[in-house]
């Protein structure tokens, strides 16, 4: 029997999600068909709300629903210390440790020549501007231990040599090749406390 076109299109849509293969996508499509229409409408509305209401903070790049995120607005945070991360989701991992009271800067990617992602395509210039404008004294580079993460960290350390800022790298309590969003709070806390100076 030939697959119905509407189900096939729905299945294809679910395969756009990370780590969702064709079989899982197909199960998700059939699960949608089994849902009551009010639950389907709630799901559609939730997706629409997330897409229209959530946006990057204009200062740090963390996802927020406000004009400026709560971390950048907070007067109780240490604005002289800044963790540099690949994406917004990783900031949540550090916040869950309750051991960091500084601010963040989201690069929105890593340097990756094989994918034509150079330094100009991630938020490095914005970081340099923040250092000058906000008086940041320490940059903690917390990119992942992948080749791309290390390349980005080394590049950042090099271009920040001429800035009046200490540059440190989180310690390797985090396994090489691991993604930060899979790390437990204790591992992240130890990595943060054991960061090393690279400039």
N, C-alpha and C. Protein backbone atom coordinates (compact mmCIF):
# COMPACT_ATOMS: atom_id res chain seq x y z
N UNK A 1 0.84 -1.20 0.00
CA UNK A 1 0.00 0.00 0.00
C UNK A 1 0.88 1.25 0.00
N UNK A 2 0.52 2.22 -0.80
CA UNK A 2 1.29 3.44 -0.92
C UNK A 2 1.02 4.36 0.28
N UNK A 3 2.09 4.98 0.80
CA UNK A 3 1.95 5.91 1.93
C UNK A 3 1.14 7.13 1.50
N UNK A 4 0.23 7.57 2.36
CA UNK A 4 -0.57 8.75 2.06
C UNK A 4 0.34 9.99 2.02
N UNK A 5 0.05 10.87 1.06
CA UNK A 5 0.93 12.02 0.83
C UNK A 5 1.02 12.93 2.06
N UNK A 6 -0.12 13.16 2.73
CA UNK A 6 -0.13 14.05 3.90
C UNK A 6 0.74 13.48 5.03
N UNK A 7 0.67 12.15 5.23
CA UNK A 7 1.48 11.51 6.27
C UNK A 7 2.95 11.56 5.89
N UNK A 8 3.25 11.34 4.62
CA UNK A 8 4.64 11.38 4.16
C UNK A 8 5.25 12.77 4.36
N UNK A 9 4.47 13.80 4.05
CA UNK A 9 4.97 15.18 4.23
C UNK A 9 5.19 15.49 5.71
N UNK A 10 4.29 15.00 6.57
CA UNK A 10 4.44 15.21 8.01
C UNK A 10 5.68 14.48 8.52
N UNK A 11 5.87 13.24 8.05
CA UNK A 11 7.05 12.46 8.42
C UNK A 11 8.32 13.18 7.99
N UNK A 12 8.32 13.66 6.75
CA UNK A 12 9.49 14.38 6.24
C UNK A 12 9.79 15.62 7.08
N UNK A 13 8.74 16.27 7.57
CA UNK A 13 8.93 17.46 8.40
C UNK A 13 9.61 17.11 9.72
N UNK A 14 9.23 15.98 10.31
CA UNK A 14 9.83 15.58 11.59
C UNK A 14 11.30 15.19 11.43
N UNK A 15 11.70 14.73 10.25
CA UNK A 15 13.12 14.37 10.05
C UNK A 15 14.02 15.59 10.04
N UNK A 16 13.43 16.80 10.01
CA UNK A 16 14.23 18.02 10.09
C UNK A 16 14.82 18.23 11.49
N UNK A 17 14.22 17.55 12.50
CA UNK A 17 14.72 17.68 13.86
C UNK A 17 16.01 16.89 14.03
N UNK A 18 16.95 17.39 14.86
CA UNK A 18 18.20 16.66 15.12
C UNK A 18 17.93 15.29 15.73
N UNK A 19 18.67 14.31 15.29
CA UNK A 19 18.63 12.93 15.83
C UNK A 19 17.32 12.20 15.58
N UNK A 20 16.46 12.72 14.72
CA UNK A 20 15.21 12.04 14.39
C UNK A 20 15.36 11.37 13.03
N UNK A 21 15.38 10.04 13.06
CA UNK A 21 15.48 9.27 11.82
C UNK A 21 14.11 9.05 11.21
N UNK A 22 14.08 8.38 10.09
CA UNK A 22 12.82 8.21 9.35
C UNK A 22 11.79 7.38 10.12
N UNK A 23 12.24 6.34 10.83
CA UNK A 23 11.29 5.48 11.57
C UNK A 23 10.67 6.25 12.74
N UNK A 24 11.50 6.97 13.48
CA UNK A 24 10.98 7.77 14.59
C UNK A 24 10.05 8.85 14.07
N UNK A 25 10.42 9.48 12.97
CA UNK A 25 9.58 10.53 12.36
C UNK A 25 8.23 9.96 11.95
N UNK A 26 8.24 8.76 11.42
CA UNK A 26 6.99 8.11 11.01
C UNK A 26 6.09 7.85 12.23
N UNK A 27 6.71 7.36 13.33
CA UNK A 27 5.94 7.12 14.56
C UNK A 27 5.34 8.42 15.09
N UNK A 28 6.11 9.50 15.01
CA UNK A 28 5.62 10.81 15.47
C UNK A 28 4.45 11.28 14.61
N UNK A 29 4.54 11.05 13.32
CA UNK A 29 3.46 11.45 12.41
C UNK A 29 2.17 10.71 12.74
N UNK A 30 2.27 9.40 12.97
CA UNK A 30 1.07 8.63 13.32
C UNK A 30 0.55 8.98 14.71
N UNK A 31 1.46 9.38 15.62
CA UNK A 31 1.03 9.82 16.96
C UNK A 31 0.20 11.09 16.84
N UNK A 32 0.58 11.98 15.93
CA UNK A 32 -0.20 13.21 15.70
C UNK A 32 -1.62 12.86 15.24
N UNK A 33 -1.72 11.86 14.38
CA UNK A 33 -3.04 11.45 13.88
C UNK A 33 -3.92 10.90 15.00
N UNK A 34 -3.30 10.31 16.01
CA UNK A 34 -4.07 9.74 17.13
C UNK A 34 -4.45 10.78 18.18
N UNK A 35 -3.88 11.95 18.11
CA UNK A 35 -4.16 13.00 19.10
C UNK A 35 -5.53 13.63 18.85
N UNK A 36 -6.22 14.03 19.94
CA UNK A 36 -7.44 14.83 19.77
C UNK A 36 -7.09 16.16 19.10
N UNK A 37 -8.01 16.72 18.36
CA UNK A 37 -7.74 17.93 17.59
C UNK A 37 -7.35 19.11 18.47
N UNK A 38 -7.88 19.19 19.70
CA UNK A 38 -7.52 20.31 20.58
C UNK A 38 -6.05 20.21 21.02
N UNK A 39 -5.54 18.99 21.20
CA UNK A 39 -4.12 18.82 21.54
C UNK A 39 -3.24 19.18 20.36
N UNK A 40 -3.67 18.82 19.17
CA UNK A 40 -2.93 19.17 17.95
C UNK A 40 -2.88 20.69 17.81
N UNK A 41 -4.00 21.35 18.05
CA UNK A 41 -4.05 22.81 17.95
C UNK A 41 -3.16 23.48 18.99
N UNK A 42 -3.10 22.89 20.21
CA UNK A 42 -2.21 23.41 21.25
C UNK A 42 -0.75 23.27 20.83
N UNK A 43 -0.44 22.14 20.22
CA UNK A 43 0.92 21.90 19.74
C UNK A 43 1.30 22.91 18.66
N UNK A 44 0.38 23.12 17.72
CA UNK A 44 0.63 24.10 16.65
C UNK A 44 0.83 25.49 17.24
N UNK A 45 0.00 25.86 18.22
CA UNK A 45 0.09 27.18 18.85
C UNK A 45 1.40 27.34 19.62
N UNK A 46 1.82 26.26 20.31
CA UNK A 46 3.08 26.30 21.06
C UNK A 46 4.26 26.52 20.14
N UNK A 47 4.27 25.84 19.01
CA UNK A 47 5.35 26.00 18.03
C UNK A 47 5.35 27.43 17.49
N UNK A 48 4.17 27.93 17.17
CA UNK A 48 4.04 29.29 16.63
C UNK A 48 4.50 30.33 17.65
N UNK A 49 4.09 30.15 18.92
CA UNK A 49 4.48 31.09 19.98
C UNK A 49 5.99 31.11 20.17
N UNK A 50 6.59 29.92 20.20
CA UNK A 50 8.05 29.83 20.41
C UNK A 50 8.78 30.53 19.27
N UNK A 51 8.29 30.33 18.06
CA UNK A 51 8.96 30.91 16.89
C UNK A 51 8.79 32.43 16.82
N UNK A 52 7.66 32.95 17.26
CA UNK A 52 7.41 34.39 17.15
C UNK A 52 7.84 35.18 18.38
N UNK A 53 7.82 34.56 19.57
CA UNK A 53 8.11 35.30 20.80
C UNK A 53 9.55 35.20 21.27
N UNK A 54 10.22 34.11 20.92
CA UNK A 54 11.59 33.89 21.40
C UNK A 54 12.59 34.45 20.40
N UNK A 55 13.56 35.22 20.90
CA UNK A 55 14.57 35.82 20.04
C UNK A 55 15.87 35.98 20.83
N UNK A 56 17.00 36.15 20.15
CA UNK A 56 18.26 36.33 20.87
C UNK A 56 18.31 37.69 21.57
N UNK A 57 18.87 37.72 22.76
CA UNK A 57 19.11 38.98 23.46
C UNK A 57 20.06 39.81 22.61
N UNK A 58 19.77 41.10 22.39
CA UNK A 58 20.63 41.93 21.54
C UNK A 58 22.02 42.17 22.13
N UNK A 59 22.18 41.89 23.43
CA UNK A 59 23.49 42.09 24.07
C UNK A 59 24.32 40.81 24.05
N UNK A 60 23.79 39.74 24.64
CA UNK A 60 24.59 38.52 24.80
C UNK A 60 24.24 37.40 23.81
N UNK A 61 23.04 37.43 23.25
CA UNK A 61 22.64 36.37 22.32
C UNK A 61 21.86 35.24 22.94
N UNK A 62 21.66 35.26 24.27
CA UNK A 62 20.85 34.22 24.92
C UNK A 62 19.40 34.39 24.47
N UNK A 63 18.71 33.27 24.26
CA UNK A 63 17.31 33.35 23.85
C UNK A 63 16.46 33.91 24.98
N UNK A 64 15.55 34.79 24.62
CA UNK A 64 14.69 35.45 25.61
C UNK A 64 13.37 35.83 24.96
N UNK A 65 12.38 36.13 25.80
CA UNK A 65 11.11 36.67 25.31
C UNK A 65 11.03 38.17 25.59
N UNK A 66 12.02 38.69 26.34
CA UNK A 66 12.03 40.11 26.69
C UNK A 66 12.91 40.90 25.72
N UNK A 67 12.88 42.22 25.85
CA UNK A 67 13.74 43.06 25.01
C UNK A 67 15.21 42.73 25.25
N UNK A 68 15.58 42.59 26.53
CA UNK A 68 16.92 42.20 26.95
C UNK A 68 16.76 41.08 27.97
N UNK A 69 17.64 40.07 27.93
CA UNK A 69 17.49 38.92 28.82
C UNK A 69 17.68 39.31 30.29
N UNK A 70 17.18 38.48 31.19
CA UNK A 70 17.23 38.78 32.63
C UNK A 70 18.66 38.81 33.16
N UNK A 71 19.57 38.06 32.55
CA UNK A 71 20.96 38.03 33.01
C UNK A 71 21.64 39.37 32.70
N UNK A 72 21.47 39.85 31.47
CA UNK A 72 22.08 41.13 31.09
C UNK A 72 21.48 42.29 31.88
N UNK A 73 20.20 42.19 32.24
CA UNK A 73 19.52 43.26 33.00
C UNK A 73 19.87 43.26 34.48
N UNK A 74 20.33 42.11 34.99
CA UNK A 74 20.53 41.96 36.43
C UNK A 74 21.71 42.79 36.94
N UNK A 75 21.45 43.57 37.97
CA UNK A 75 22.51 44.36 38.61
C UNK A 75 23.28 43.54 39.63
N UNK A 76 22.78 42.37 39.99
CA UNK A 76 23.46 41.52 40.97
C UNK A 76 24.48 40.57 40.32
N UNK A 77 24.49 40.53 38.98
CA UNK A 77 25.46 39.67 38.28
C UNK A 77 26.80 40.40 38.17
N UNK A 78 27.88 39.62 38.07
CA UNK A 78 29.22 40.16 37.87
C UNK A 78 29.44 40.36 36.38
N UNK A 79 29.26 41.59 35.92
CA UNK A 79 29.36 41.89 34.49
C UNK A 79 30.80 42.00 34.00
N UNK A 80 31.76 41.78 34.90
CA UNK A 80 33.17 41.83 34.49
C UNK A 80 33.69 40.46 34.07
N UNK A 81 32.90 39.41 34.31
CA UNK A 81 33.30 38.05 33.95
C UNK A 81 32.28 37.47 32.98
N UNK A 82 32.77 36.96 31.86
CA UNK A 82 31.87 36.52 30.79
C UNK A 82 32.28 35.15 30.25
N UNK A 83 31.34 34.22 30.23
CA UNK A 83 31.56 32.91 29.62
C UNK A 83 31.13 32.97 28.16
N UNK A 84 31.99 32.49 27.27
CA UNK A 84 31.70 32.46 25.84
C UNK A 84 31.27 31.05 25.47
N UNK A 85 30.08 30.94 24.86
CA UNK A 85 29.49 29.64 24.53
C UNK A 85 29.09 29.57 23.06
N UNK A 86 28.93 28.34 22.59
CA UNK A 86 28.51 28.14 21.19
C UNK A 86 27.05 28.51 20.99
N UNK A 87 26.17 28.06 21.91
CA UNK A 87 24.74 28.31 21.74
C UNK A 87 24.06 28.62 23.07
N UNK A 88 22.86 29.13 22.97
CA UNK A 88 22.11 29.60 24.13
C UNK A 88 21.77 28.48 25.11
N UNK A 89 21.50 27.30 24.59
CA UNK A 89 21.10 26.18 25.45
C UNK A 89 22.19 25.84 26.47
N UNK A 90 23.45 26.04 26.08
CA UNK A 90 24.57 25.71 26.98
C UNK A 90 24.61 26.63 28.20
N UNK A 91 24.11 27.85 28.07
CA UNK A 91 24.08 28.77 29.21
C UNK A 91 23.21 28.22 30.32
N UNK A 92 22.14 27.55 29.94
CA UNK A 92 21.24 26.94 30.92
C UNK A 92 21.97 25.89 31.75
N UNK A 93 22.85 25.13 31.11
CA UNK A 93 23.64 24.12 31.82
C UNK A 93 24.49 24.77 32.90
N UNK A 94 25.14 25.90 32.58
CA UNK A 94 25.95 26.60 33.58
C UNK A 94 25.08 27.22 34.67
N UNK A 95 23.93 27.75 34.30
CA UNK A 95 23.04 28.34 35.29
C UNK A 95 22.57 27.29 36.30
N UNK A 96 22.40 26.06 35.83
CA UNK A 96 21.94 24.99 36.72
C UNK A 96 22.98 24.58 37.76
N UNK A 97 24.25 24.96 37.56
CA UNK A 97 25.28 24.64 38.56
C UNK A 97 25.18 25.57 39.77
N UNK A 98 24.54 26.73 39.61
CA UNK A 98 24.45 27.75 40.66
C UNK A 98 25.83 28.17 41.18
N UNK A 99 26.86 28.07 40.33
CA UNK A 99 28.21 28.41 40.76
C UNK A 99 28.82 29.53 39.95
N UNK A 100 28.06 30.08 38.99
CA UNK A 100 28.57 31.17 38.17
C UNK A 100 27.61 32.34 38.24
N UNK A 101 28.15 33.52 38.55
CA UNK A 101 27.31 34.70 38.70
C UNK A 101 27.69 35.81 37.71
N UNK A 102 28.42 35.44 36.66
CA UNK A 102 28.79 36.41 35.65
C UNK A 102 27.76 36.48 34.54
N UNK A 103 28.21 36.88 33.37
CA UNK A 103 27.33 36.99 32.20
C UNK A 103 27.84 36.05 31.10
N UNK A 104 27.11 36.02 30.00
CA UNK A 104 27.42 35.10 28.91
C UNK A 104 27.54 35.85 27.58
N UNK A 105 28.21 35.19 26.65
CA UNK A 105 28.21 35.67 25.27
C UNK A 105 28.05 34.45 24.37
N UNK A 106 27.02 34.46 23.54
CA UNK A 106 26.71 33.34 22.66
C UNK A 106 27.27 33.62 21.27
N UNK A 107 28.10 32.70 20.78
CA UNK A 107 28.72 32.87 19.46
C UNK A 107 27.77 32.51 18.31
N UNK A 108 26.78 31.68 18.60
CA UNK A 108 25.89 31.16 17.55
C UNK A 108 26.65 30.35 16.51
N UNK A 109 27.52 29.48 17.00
CA UNK A 109 28.26 28.59 16.11
C UNK A 109 29.72 28.54 16.47
N UNK A 110 30.46 27.73 15.72
CA UNK A 110 31.90 27.58 15.90
C UNK A 110 32.58 27.70 14.54
N UNK A 111 33.84 28.08 14.56
CA UNK A 111 34.60 28.14 13.31
C UNK A 111 34.71 26.73 12.74
N UNK A 112 34.29 26.58 11.49
CA UNK A 112 34.30 25.27 10.85
C UNK A 112 34.53 25.43 9.34
N UNK A 113 35.79 25.45 8.92
CA UNK A 113 36.10 25.68 7.50
C UNK A 113 35.43 24.68 6.56
N UNK A 114 35.22 23.44 7.00
CA UNK A 114 34.61 22.44 6.13
C UNK A 114 33.15 22.77 5.81
N UNK A 115 32.53 23.60 6.65
CA UNK A 115 31.15 24.04 6.41
C UNK A 115 31.10 25.52 6.02
N UNK A 116 32.24 26.06 5.64
CA UNK A 116 32.35 27.46 5.25
C UNK A 116 31.91 28.43 6.34
N UNK A 117 32.19 28.05 7.60
CA UNK A 117 31.88 28.94 8.73
C UNK A 117 33.19 29.53 9.22
N UNK A 118 33.44 30.77 8.84
CA UNK A 118 34.64 31.47 9.28
C UNK A 118 34.34 32.34 10.48
N UNK A 119 35.37 32.99 11.04
CA UNK A 119 35.18 33.86 12.22
C UNK A 119 34.16 34.97 12.01
N UNK A 120 34.04 35.42 10.75
CA UNK A 120 33.11 36.52 10.47
C UNK A 120 31.65 36.09 10.54
N UNK A 121 31.40 34.77 10.57
CA UNK A 121 30.02 34.28 10.58
C UNK A 121 29.49 33.99 11.98
N UNK A 122 30.36 34.12 12.97
CA UNK A 122 29.90 33.95 14.36
C UNK A 122 30.13 35.28 15.10
N UNK A 123 29.59 35.40 16.30
CA UNK A 123 29.50 36.70 16.98
C UNK A 123 30.78 37.07 17.74
N UNK A 124 31.90 37.13 16.99
CA UNK A 124 33.17 37.49 17.61
C UNK A 124 33.32 39.01 17.71
N UNK A 125 32.96 39.73 16.66
CA UNK A 125 33.05 41.20 16.71
C UNK A 125 32.18 41.77 17.82
N UNK A 126 31.01 41.16 18.02
CA UNK A 126 30.12 41.62 19.09
C UNK A 126 30.78 41.42 20.46
N UNK A 127 31.55 40.32 20.60
CA UNK A 127 32.25 40.05 21.86
C UNK A 127 33.31 41.12 22.11
N UNK A 128 34.08 41.45 21.11
CA UNK A 128 35.13 42.48 21.25
C UNK A 128 34.50 43.82 21.62
N UNK A 129 33.39 44.15 20.99
CA UNK A 129 32.69 45.41 21.32
C UNK A 129 32.21 45.41 22.76
N UNK A 130 31.72 44.26 23.24
CA UNK A 130 31.25 44.18 24.63
C UNK A 130 32.39 44.36 25.62
N UNK A 131 33.55 43.79 25.31
CA UNK A 131 34.71 43.92 26.21
C UNK A 131 35.04 45.39 26.42
N UNK A 132 35.03 46.13 25.32
CA UNK A 132 35.36 47.56 25.39
C UNK A 132 34.24 48.37 26.06
N UNK A 133 33.02 48.06 25.70
CA UNK A 133 31.88 48.85 26.17
C UNK A 133 31.51 48.55 27.62
N UNK A 134 31.56 47.27 27.99
CA UNK A 134 31.08 46.86 29.32
C UNK A 134 32.19 46.71 30.35
N UNK A 135 33.44 46.84 29.93
CA UNK A 135 34.56 46.70 30.88
C UNK A 135 34.74 45.28 31.37
N UNK A 136 34.54 44.31 30.50
CA UNK A 136 34.74 42.90 30.87
C UNK A 136 36.22 42.67 31.14
N UNK A 137 36.54 42.01 32.27
CA UNK A 137 37.92 41.77 32.68
C UNK A 137 38.38 40.33 32.48
N UNK A 138 37.43 39.40 32.43
CA UNK A 138 37.80 37.99 32.18
C UNK A 138 36.84 37.36 31.19
N UNK A 139 37.42 36.72 30.19
CA UNK A 139 36.65 35.93 29.23
C UNK A 139 36.96 34.47 29.51
N UNK A 140 35.93 33.70 29.79
CA UNK A 140 36.07 32.26 30.00
C UNK A 140 35.56 31.56 28.74
N UNK A 141 36.46 30.96 28.00
CA UNK A 141 36.06 30.28 26.77
C UNK A 141 35.57 28.88 27.13
N UNK A 142 34.30 28.61 26.82
CA UNK A 142 33.68 27.33 27.19
C UNK A 142 33.12 26.62 25.96
N UNK A 143 33.86 26.73 24.85
CA UNK A 143 33.44 25.97 23.66
C UNK A 143 33.75 24.50 23.90
N UNK A 144 33.09 23.62 23.17
CA UNK A 144 33.24 22.19 23.38
C UNK A 144 34.64 21.71 23.03
N UNK A 145 34.96 20.49 23.45
CA UNK A 145 36.28 19.92 23.21
C UNK A 145 36.44 19.29 21.84
N UNK A 146 35.57 19.63 20.91
CA UNK A 146 35.69 19.12 19.54
C UNK A 146 36.77 19.91 18.80
N UNK A 147 37.12 19.46 17.60
CA UNK A 147 38.11 20.18 16.79
C UNK A 147 37.63 21.61 16.53
N UNK A 148 36.34 21.76 16.20
CA UNK A 148 35.78 23.10 15.94
C UNK A 148 35.81 23.97 17.18
N UNK A 149 35.50 23.36 18.34
CA UNK A 149 35.52 24.10 19.60
C UNK A 149 36.92 24.57 19.96
N UNK A 150 37.91 23.69 19.76
CA UNK A 150 39.30 24.04 20.05
C UNK A 150 39.82 25.10 19.08
N UNK A 151 39.45 24.96 17.81
CA UNK A 151 39.86 25.95 16.80
C UNK A 151 39.33 27.33 17.16
N UNK A 152 38.06 27.36 17.55
CA UNK A 152 37.43 28.64 17.93
C UNK A 152 38.08 29.22 19.18
N UNK A 153 38.38 28.37 20.17
CA UNK A 153 39.02 28.83 21.41
C UNK A 153 40.39 29.43 21.12
N UNK A 154 41.18 28.77 20.30
CA UNK A 154 42.52 29.26 19.97
C UNK A 154 42.44 30.57 19.19
N UNK A 155 41.47 30.66 18.28
CA UNK A 155 41.29 31.89 17.51
C UNK A 155 40.91 33.04 18.43
N UNK A 156 39.98 32.80 19.34
CA UNK A 156 39.56 33.84 20.28
C UNK A 156 40.73 34.30 21.15
N UNK A 157 41.51 33.34 21.65
CA UNK A 157 42.66 33.68 22.49
C UNK A 157 43.64 34.57 21.72
N UNK A 158 43.84 34.25 20.45
CA UNK A 158 44.78 35.02 19.62
C UNK A 158 44.30 36.45 19.40
N UNK A 159 43.03 36.60 19.02
CA UNK A 159 42.55 37.96 18.71
C UNK A 159 42.33 38.80 19.96
N UNK A 160 42.24 38.14 21.13
CA UNK A 160 42.04 38.90 22.37
C UNK A 160 43.35 39.26 23.05
N UNK A 161 44.47 38.88 22.43
CA UNK A 161 45.79 39.19 23.00
C UNK A 161 45.99 40.69 23.19
N UNK A 162 45.44 41.48 22.31
CA UNK A 162 45.64 42.93 22.37
C UNK A 162 44.57 43.67 23.20
N UNK A 163 43.64 42.90 23.77
CA UNK A 163 42.60 43.50 24.60
C UNK A 163 43.01 43.43 26.07
N UNK A 164 42.53 44.37 26.87
CA UNK A 164 42.84 44.40 28.30
C UNK A 164 41.89 43.47 29.05
N UNK A 165 42.10 42.16 28.84
CA UNK A 165 41.21 41.16 29.43
C UNK A 165 41.97 39.85 29.63
N UNK A 166 41.69 39.17 30.76
CA UNK A 166 42.24 37.84 30.98
C UNK A 166 41.41 36.83 30.21
N UNK A 167 42.07 35.90 29.56
CA UNK A 167 41.36 34.87 28.79
C UNK A 167 41.67 33.51 29.39
N UNK A 168 40.63 32.81 29.83
CA UNK A 168 40.80 31.47 30.40
C UNK A 168 39.96 30.48 29.61
N UNK A 169 40.28 29.21 29.79
CA UNK A 169 39.56 28.12 29.12
C UNK A 169 39.06 27.19 30.20
N UNK A 170 37.82 26.71 30.09
CA UNK A 170 37.32 25.79 31.12
C UNK A 170 38.19 24.54 31.15
N UNK A 171 38.33 23.95 32.34
CA UNK A 171 39.16 22.76 32.52
C UNK A 171 38.51 21.55 31.87
N UNK A 172 39.32 20.54 31.66
CA UNK A 172 38.81 19.36 30.97
C UNK A 172 38.26 18.32 31.93
N UNK A 173 37.31 18.73 32.75
CA UNK A 173 36.48 17.76 33.44
C UNK A 173 35.47 17.24 32.44
N UNK A 174 35.42 17.91 31.30
CA UNK A 174 34.49 17.54 30.24
C UNK A 174 35.23 16.70 29.21
N UNK A 175 34.73 15.52 28.87
CA UNK A 175 35.44 14.66 27.91
C UNK A 175 35.57 15.32 26.54
N UNK A 176 36.69 15.05 25.88
CA UNK A 176 36.90 15.55 24.52
C UNK A 176 35.80 14.99 23.61
N UNK A 177 35.21 15.86 22.81
CA UNK A 177 34.17 15.44 21.88
C UNK A 177 32.76 15.47 22.45
N UNK A 178 32.64 15.77 23.76
CA UNK A 178 31.32 15.78 24.39
C UNK A 178 30.62 17.11 24.18
N UNK A 179 29.30 17.09 24.16
CA UNK A 179 28.50 18.30 24.08
C UNK A 179 28.14 18.77 25.48
N UNK A 180 28.23 20.09 25.70
CA UNK A 180 28.00 20.63 27.04
C UNK A 180 26.59 20.38 27.56
N UNK A 181 25.60 20.36 26.66
CA UNK A 181 24.23 20.21 27.14
C UNK A 181 23.94 18.81 27.69
N UNK A 182 24.88 17.84 27.50
CA UNK A 182 24.71 16.50 28.07
C UNK A 182 25.44 16.33 29.40
N UNK A 183 26.18 17.36 29.82
CA UNK A 183 26.98 17.26 31.03
C UNK A 183 26.14 17.50 32.27
N UNK A 184 26.48 16.77 33.36
CA UNK A 184 25.79 17.00 34.62
C UNK A 184 26.35 18.24 35.31
N UNK A 185 25.62 18.76 36.28
CA UNK A 185 25.98 20.01 36.93
C UNK A 185 27.32 19.94 37.65
N UNK A 186 27.64 18.80 38.28
CA UNK A 186 28.89 18.67 39.02
C UNK A 186 30.08 18.73 38.08
N UNK A 187 29.99 18.05 36.95
CA UNK A 187 31.08 18.08 35.97
C UNK A 187 31.31 19.49 35.47
N UNK A 188 30.23 20.21 35.16
CA UNK A 188 30.35 21.59 34.68
C UNK A 188 30.94 22.50 35.76
N UNK A 189 30.53 22.29 37.01
CA UNK A 189 31.03 23.12 38.10
C UNK A 189 32.53 22.91 38.28
N UNK A 190 32.99 21.65 38.23
CA UNK A 190 34.42 21.36 38.38
C UNK A 190 35.22 21.92 37.21
N UNK A 191 34.64 21.80 36.02
CA UNK A 191 35.32 22.34 34.83
C UNK A 191 35.46 23.86 34.94
N UNK A 192 34.44 24.50 35.47
CA UNK A 192 34.46 25.95 35.62
C UNK A 192 35.48 26.38 36.64
N UNK A 193 35.54 25.70 37.79
CA UNK A 193 36.48 26.04 38.85
C UNK A 193 37.92 25.75 38.45
N UNK A 194 38.13 24.75 37.60
CA UNK A 194 39.48 24.36 37.20
C UNK A 194 39.92 24.96 35.88
N UNK A 195 39.29 26.06 35.46
CA UNK A 195 39.68 26.65 34.18
C UNK A 195 41.13 27.12 34.23
N UNK A 196 41.77 27.12 33.06
CA UNK A 196 43.18 27.47 32.97
C UNK A 196 43.37 28.72 32.13
N UNK A 197 44.43 29.45 32.43
CA UNK A 197 44.71 30.69 31.70
C UNK A 197 45.39 30.36 30.37
N UNK A 198 44.91 30.99 29.30
CA UNK A 198 45.56 30.79 27.99
C UNK A 198 46.07 32.11 27.43
N UNK A 199 45.90 33.18 28.18
CA UNK A 199 46.49 34.47 27.79
C UNK A 199 46.85 35.26 29.04
